[in-house]
Amino acid sequence: MTTEYRHTPVLLDEVLHYLSPHDGSVVVDCTLGGAGHAAVIASAIAPTGLLVGIDQDDAALAAAADVLRLGQQTTLIKGNFGDLDRLLSEANIPYVDGFLFDLGVSSPQLDFVERGFSYKGNAPLDMRMDPAAGGITAADVVNSYQESDLARVIREYGEERWATRIAAFIVAARARRPVTSTSELVDIIKSAVPAGARADGPHPARRTFQALRIEVNRELEVLEQALESAVRWLVPGGRIVVISYHSLEDRTAKQVFARHAQTCTCPPDLPVCVCGVVPVLRVLTRRAVVPTPEEVERNPRSRSAKLRAAEKL
């Protein structure tokens, strides 16, 4: 595997505990990346299990192929997990015992400045997870959205206090010339955020870049769609494990799990149920599971990780 795609799996012990893979399991890693989790899961389900790895990044799939023993027990699929129904059907997967979603941008995507995800270098404003698939870029969002829509994206997806001001500064800047690079956008954001607010806390552009990435890739919409598909594909006793890295992803997973775990809503004095609500999932994590201080020290990128898990009834 290339050095760039060497993947330190986050919350690995916890993933194995809640996913509970064993010989014969069919497990789908919906965010394969460098196969850090997948390699350990593949060992756990050998020799008769099947590991299905999905990723929309060609470099990630190539790196994973170097790690995993491809053959009858491993299937790698290029695609977006938002198309889970189609991808699994085309691969003739009959059912699934476990799904893993390790969300967020992979380290190589952050580290390769030319991908346009990072505010730490200079690159074209792209941020598409799969550029070959087309679709809008971050530059399209920055240069074509109305000011109110731009402020909404930055506020909702970046949870940015200064969203309205940043949007106004972007619109003023693009009136002079299009904003096409990450460094140009960083400079605009720094100008928009008051000096006092820039003195402490994270990089002033971090939340805006997160918001643009989520908008470009429709991440929350795609995640909810994928989780709904995963619930349908699971066999009884099968499990879903989701690792998220910001509150919006975590909230989406929590809401989908809660919706499918809902029990009868009829008044307790009714002799029979008339609402028809039957729970489909049992939530296994009453609260999100977070990394230990020791793991955070070993792998700082795990700091914001939260794990939630549910089981099909």
Protein backbone atom coordinates (compact mmCIF):
# COMPACT_ATOMS: atom_id res chain seq x y z
CA MET A 1 0.00 0.00 0.00
CA THR A 2 1.18 3.50 -0.71
CA THR A 3 2.33 5.55 2.23
CA GLU A 4 -0.35 8.11 1.45
CA TYR A 5 -3.17 5.63 2.03
CA ARG A 6 -1.81 3.97 5.15
CA HIS A 7 -4.89 4.05 7.36
CA THR A 8 -4.89 3.99 11.16
CA PRO A 9 -8.39 2.69 11.95
CA VAL A 10 -10.32 4.73 14.49
CA LEU A 11 -12.12 2.99 17.39
CA LEU A 12 -11.10 -0.41 16.02
CA ASP A 13 -11.80 -2.42 19.18
CA GLU A 14 -15.17 -0.75 19.55
CA VAL A 15 -16.03 -1.42 15.90
CA LEU A 16 -15.27 -5.12 16.34
CA HIS A 17 -17.28 -5.25 19.57
CA TYR A 18 -20.43 -3.71 18.13
CA LEU A 19 -20.16 -5.16 14.62
CA SER A 20 -19.46 -8.63 16.06
CA PRO A 21 -18.03 -10.17 12.85
CA HIS A 22 -17.43 -13.93 12.81
CA ASP A 23 -16.63 -16.73 10.40
CA GLY A 24 -19.24 -16.70 7.64
CA SER A 25 -20.42 -13.10 8.12
CA VAL A 26 -21.15 -10.89 5.12
CA VAL A 27 -19.82 -7.45 6.07
CA VAL A 28 -19.95 -4.29 3.95
CA ASP A 29 -17.40 -1.55 4.61
CA CYS A 30 -19.13 1.40 2.96
CA THR A 31 -16.12 3.70 3.36
CA LEU A 32 -13.21 1.42 2.52
CA GLY A 33 -10.41 4.00 2.40
CA GLY A 34 -7.05 2.38 3.07
CA ALA A 35 -8.76 -0.77 4.42
CA GLY A 36 -7.61 -0.24 8.00
CA HIS A 37 -10.87 -1.53 9.45
CA ALA A 38 -11.56 -3.85 6.53
CA ALA A 39 -8.32 -5.85 6.90
CA VAL A 40 -9.12 -6.72 10.51
CA ILE A 41 -12.75 -7.49 9.71
CA ALA A 42 -11.67 -9.74 6.82
CA SER A 43 -9.55 -11.79 9.21
CA ALA A 44 -12.44 -12.06 11.66
CA ILE A 45 -14.89 -13.43 9.07
CA ALA A 46 -12.43 -15.82 7.38
CA PRO A 47 -12.41 -18.36 5.91
CA THR A 48 -16.03 -18.48 4.74
CA GLY A 49 -17.20 -14.89 5.18
CA LEU A 50 -17.44 -12.20 2.54
CA LEU A 51 -16.05 -8.69 2.83
CA VAL A 52 -17.50 -6.08 0.49
CA GLY A 53 -15.58 -2.81 0.29
CA ILE A 54 -17.07 0.32 -1.28
CA ASP A 55 -15.24 3.53 -2.11
CA GLN A 56 -15.59 6.21 -4.78
CA ASP A 57 -11.88 7.02 -4.79
CA ASP A 58 -9.75 5.02 -7.27
CA ALA A 59 -6.59 5.58 -5.23
CA ALA A 60 -8.28 4.21 -2.11
CA LEU A 61 -9.47 1.10 -3.95
CA ALA A 62 -5.97 0.49 -5.34
CA ALA A 63 -4.45 0.88 -1.89
CA ALA A 64 -7.04 -1.43 -0.33
CA ALA A 65 -6.37 -4.05 -2.99
CA ASP A 66 -2.74 -4.13 -1.83
CA VAL A 67 -3.83 -4.81 1.73
CA LEU A 68 -6.66 -7.28 1.20
CA ARG A 69 -6.39 -10.71 -0.35
CA LEU A 70 -8.75 -10.33 -3.28
CA GLY A 71 -10.68 -13.37 -4.34
CA GLN A 72 -13.76 -15.33 -3.43
CA GLN A 73 -13.94 -13.81 0.07
CA THR A 74 -13.41 -10.15 -0.90
CA THR A 75 -15.25 -7.88 -3.34
CA LEU A 76 -14.26 -4.27 -3.99
CA ILE A 77 -16.77 -1.90 -5.60
CA LYS A 78 -16.26 1.62 -6.90
CA GLY A 79 -19.21 3.81 -6.05
CA ASN A 80 -20.91 6.15 -3.63
CA PHE A 81 -22.62 4.50 -0.66
CA GLY A 82 -25.66 6.63 -1.45
CA ASP A 83 -26.21 4.11 -4.28
CA LEU A 84 -26.02 1.17 -1.86
CA ASP A 85 -29.09 -0.63 -3.20
CA ARG A 86 -27.80 -0.60 -6.77
CA LEU A 87 -24.20 -1.43 -5.86
CA LEU A 88 -25.12 -4.46 -3.74
CA SER A 89 -27.68 -5.70 -6.27
CA GLU A 90 -25.22 -5.46 -9.15
CA ALA A 91 -22.62 -7.33 -7.09
CA ASN A 92 -25.18 -10.09 -6.38
CA ILE A 93 -24.89 -9.72 -2.61
CA PRO A 94 -27.87 -11.67 -1.20
CA TYR A 95 -27.95 -10.21 2.32
CA VAL A 96 -25.71 -8.43 4.82
CA ASP A 97 -24.79 -9.22 8.44
CA GLY A 98 -22.97 -5.98 9.14
CA PHE A 99 -22.40 -2.48 7.77
CA LEU A 100 -19.58 -0.12 8.71
CA PHE A 101 -19.65 3.60 7.89
CA ASP A 102 -16.44 5.46 8.82
CA LEU A 103 -17.42 8.94 7.69
CA GLY A 104 -15.49 12.10 6.97
CA VAL A 105 -12.69 12.93 4.58
CA SER A 106 -9.81 10.46 4.48
CA SER A 107 -6.36 11.59 5.52
CA PRO A 108 -4.96 11.45 1.95
CA GLN A 109 -7.77 13.66 0.68
CA LEU A 110 -6.85 16.19 3.33
CA ASP A 111 -3.12 15.77 2.85
CA PHE A 112 -3.16 15.98 -0.96
CA VAL A 113 -3.49 19.73 -1.33
CA GLU A 114 -4.44 19.44 -4.99
CA ARG A 115 -7.75 17.77 -4.05
CA GLY A 116 -8.95 21.17 -2.78
CA PHE A 117 -10.29 19.93 0.56
CA SER A 118 -7.67 21.63 2.70
CA TYR A 119 -7.38 25.24 3.79
CA LYS A 120 -3.67 24.73 4.53
CA GLY A 121 -2.35 25.03 0.97
CA ASN A 122 -3.24 26.41 -2.43
CA ALA A 123 -5.26 24.39 -4.94
CA PRO A 124 -8.29 24.70 -7.20
CA LEU A 125 -11.57 24.88 -5.27
CA ASP A 126 -12.87 21.40 -6.08
CA MET A 127 -13.76 19.23 -3.02
CA ARG A 128 -15.51 16.51 -5.03
CA MET A 129 -14.96 13.06 -3.57
CA ASP A 130 -15.05 11.59 -7.08
CA PRO A 131 -14.06 14.26 -9.65
CA ALA A 132 -14.51 11.79 -12.52
CA ALA A 133 -18.22 11.56 -11.73
CA GLY A 134 -18.73 15.24 -12.47
CA GLY A 135 -21.07 17.39 -10.43
CA ILE A 136 -20.66 20.83 -8.93
CA THR A 137 -17.39 21.95 -7.37
CA ALA A 138 -16.76 24.20 -4.38
CA ALA A 139 -15.87 26.94 -6.89
CA ASP A 140 -19.34 26.57 -8.44
CA VAL A 141 -20.95 27.01 -5.02
CA VAL A 142 -18.80 29.97 -4.06
CA ASN A 143 -19.26 31.80 -7.37
CA SER A 144 -22.87 31.03 -8.28
CA TYR A 145 -24.97 30.69 -5.12
CA GLN A 146 -27.00 33.68 -4.03
CA GLU A 147 -25.66 35.36 -0.92
CA SER A 148 -28.54 34.10 1.25
CA ASP A 149 -28.06 30.50 0.05
CA LEU A 150 -24.32 30.70 0.59
CA ALA A 151 -24.86 31.99 4.14
CA ARG A 152 -27.35 29.17 4.80
CA VAL A 153 -24.90 26.49 3.65
CA ILE A 154 -22.08 27.90 5.77
CA ARG A 155 -24.34 28.32 8.80
CA GLU A 156 -26.12 24.95 8.64
CA TYR A 157 -23.32 22.69 7.45
CA GLY A 158 -20.39 24.52 9.03
CA GLU A 159 -22.19 25.69 12.16
CA GLU A 160 -20.30 28.92 11.56
CA ARG A 161 -21.17 31.93 13.73
CA TRP A 162 -19.96 34.38 11.09
CA ALA A 163 -21.76 32.76 8.14
CA THR A 164 -23.67 35.85 7.04
CA ARG A 165 -20.56 38.02 7.12
CA ILE A 166 -18.42 35.43 5.31
CA ALA A 167 -21.05 35.06 2.57
CA ALA A 168 -21.19 38.83 2.10
CA PHE A 169 -17.41 39.04 1.81
CA ILE A 170 -17.35 36.19 -0.73
CA VAL A 171 -20.02 37.87 -2.87
CA ALA A 172 -18.10 41.15 -2.78
CA ALA A 173 -14.86 39.42 -3.77
CA ARG A 174 -16.37 37.43 -6.63
CA ALA A 175 -17.86 40.64 -8.05
CA ARG A 176 -14.28 41.70 -8.77
CA ARG A 177 -13.16 38.32 -10.12
CA PRO A 178 -14.17 34.67 -9.62
CA VAL A 179 -12.84 32.93 -6.52
CA THR A 180 -11.08 29.85 -7.87
CA SER A 181 -8.46 28.71 -5.34
CA THR A 182 -8.41 27.56 -1.74
CA SER A 183 -5.92 30.25 -0.73
CA GLU A 184 -8.13 33.01 -2.18
CA LEU A 185 -11.08 31.72 -0.19
CA VAL A 186 -9.02 31.46 3.00
CA ASP A 187 -7.95 35.10 2.64
CA ILE A 188 -11.57 36.18 2.16
CA ILE A 189 -12.70 34.25 5.23
CA LYS A 190 -9.89 35.71 7.32
CA SER A 191 -10.96 39.19 6.26
CA ALA A 192 -14.57 38.44 7.15
CA VAL A 193 -13.98 36.93 10.60
CA PRO A 194 -13.14 39.62 13.18
CA ALA A 195 -9.60 39.54 14.55
CA GLY A 196 -10.81 38.78 18.05
CA ALA A 197 -12.63 35.67 16.85
CA ARG A 198 -9.54 34.51 14.95
CA ALA A 199 -7.28 34.74 17.99
CA ASP A 200 -8.47 31.52 19.61
CA GLY A 201 -9.94 28.23 18.52
CA PRO A 202 -9.64 26.37 15.21
CA HIS A 203 -8.52 27.81 11.89
CA PRO A 204 -11.08 30.45 10.83
CA ALA A 205 -11.67 28.69 7.48
CA ARG A 206 -12.26 25.22 8.89
CA ARG A 207 -16.03 25.46 9.30
CA THR A 208 -16.61 27.09 5.92
CA PHE A 209 -14.51 24.46 4.14
CA GLN A 210 -16.46 21.73 5.94
CA ALA A 211 -19.73 23.31 4.86
CA LEU A 212 -18.68 23.54 1.22
CA ARG A 213 -17.49 19.93 1.19
CA ILE A 214 -20.81 18.73 2.62
CA GLU A 215 -22.77 20.78 0.07
CA VAL A 216 -20.68 19.69 -2.91
CA ASN A 217 -20.96 15.99 -2.05
CA ARG A 218 -24.50 16.11 -0.58
CA GLU A 219 -23.05 14.26 2.37
CA LEU A 220 -25.93 14.39 4.85
CA GLU A 221 -28.57 13.55 2.24
CA VAL A 222 -26.45 10.69 0.94
CA LEU A 223 -25.75 9.39 4.47
CA GLU A 224 -29.41 9.25 5.42
CA GLN A 225 -30.23 7.50 2.14
CA ALA A 226 -27.45 4.96 2.70
CA LEU A 227 -28.48 4.20 6.28
CA GLU A 228 -32.06 3.61 5.19
CA SER A 229 -30.79 1.17 2.55
CA ALA A 230 -28.54 -0.57 5.07
CA VAL A 231 -31.47 -1.18 7.41
CA ARG A 232 -33.34 -2.93 4.60
CA TRP A 233 -30.38 -5.13 3.63
CA LEU A 234 -29.58 -6.34 7.13
CA VAL A 235 -30.69 -9.78 8.26
CA PRO A 236 -32.25 -10.09 11.74
CA GLY A 237 -29.41 -9.79 14.23
CA GLY A 238 -27.32 -7.87 11.72
CA ARG A 239 -25.67 -4.65 12.84
CA ILE A 240 -24.81 -1.15 11.61
CA VAL A 241 -21.86 0.78 13.02
CA VAL A 242 -21.39 4.46 12.17
CA ILE A 243 -18.32 6.53 13.06
CA SER A 244 -18.88 10.25 12.56
CA TYR A 245 -16.58 13.23 12.94
CA HIS A 246 -18.91 16.18 13.30
CA SER A 247 -22.25 16.81 14.97
CA LEU A 248 -24.30 16.88 11.76
CA GLU A 249 -23.26 13.36 10.75
CA ASP A 250 -23.74 12.10 14.30
CA ARG A 251 -27.19 13.67 14.48
CA THR A 252 -28.20 12.07 11.18
CA ALA A 253 -27.17 8.59 12.35
CA LYS A 254 -28.86 9.10 15.72
CA GLN A 255 -32.11 10.23 14.10
CA VAL A 256 -32.23 7.34 11.60
CA PHE A 257 -31.59 4.81 14.35
CA ALA A 258 -34.19 6.40 16.64
CA ARG A 259 -36.79 6.46 13.86
CA HIS A 260 -36.41 2.74 13.22
CA ALA A 261 -36.26 1.89 16.93
CA GLN A 262 -39.55 3.63 17.70
CA THR A 263 -42.07 1.46 19.52
CA CYS A 264 -45.86 1.58 19.73
CA THR A 265 -47.18 5.12 20.23
CA CYS A 266 -50.70 4.17 21.28
CA PRO A 267 -52.05 5.34 24.66
CA PRO A 268 -51.34 2.69 27.32
CA ASP A 269 -55.04 2.20 28.08
CA LEU A 270 -55.86 0.98 24.54
CA PRO A 271 -56.46 -2.79 24.56
CA VAL A 272 -54.83 -3.32 21.14
CA CYS A 273 -52.28 -1.39 19.09
CA VAL A 274 -53.82 0.75 16.36
CA CYS A 275 -50.77 2.84 15.38
CA GLY A 276 -49.02 -0.05 13.63
CA VAL A 277 -45.57 1.13 14.69
CA VAL A 278 -43.22 -1.83 15.02
CA PRO A 279 -39.53 -1.29 15.88
CA VAL A 280 -37.06 -2.49 13.27
CA LEU A 281 -33.83 -1.66 15.11
CA ARG A 282 -32.49 -1.89 18.64
CA VAL A 283 -30.05 0.89 19.44
CA LEU A 284 -26.92 -0.58 21.05
CA THR A 285 -25.27 2.69 22.07
CA ARG A 286 -27.35 4.77 24.46
CA ARG A 287 -24.70 7.46 24.13
CA ALA A 288 -22.10 7.88 21.40
CA VAL A 289 -18.87 5.97 22.06
CA VAL A 290 -15.74 8.12 21.89
CA PRO A 291 -12.01 7.29 21.73
CA THR A 292 -10.01 6.82 24.88
CA PRO A 293 -7.39 9.44 25.77
CA GLU A 294 -4.73 6.87 24.85
CA GLU A 295 -6.14 6.46 21.34
CA VAL A 296 -6.37 10.21 20.84
CA GLU A 297 -2.72 10.51 21.82
CA ARG A 298 -1.74 7.78 19.34
CA ASN A 299 -3.98 9.08 16.56
CA PRO A 300 -4.95 12.77 16.94
CA ARG A 301 -7.38 12.55 14.01
CA SER A 302 -9.58 10.32 16.16
CA ARG A 303 -10.23 13.18 18.58
CA SER A 304 -13.67 14.13 17.26
CA ALA A 305 -14.86 10.59 16.43
CA LYS A 306 -18.20 9.31 17.75
CA LEU A 307 -19.52 5.79 17.24
CA ARG A 308 -23.14 4.68 17.21
CA ALA A 309 -24.45 1.18 16.58
CA ALA A 310 -27.80 -0.55 16.09
CA GLU A 311 -29.04 -4.10 15.58
CA LYS A 312 -31.79 -5.35 13.25
CA LEU A 313 -34.67 -6.97 15.10
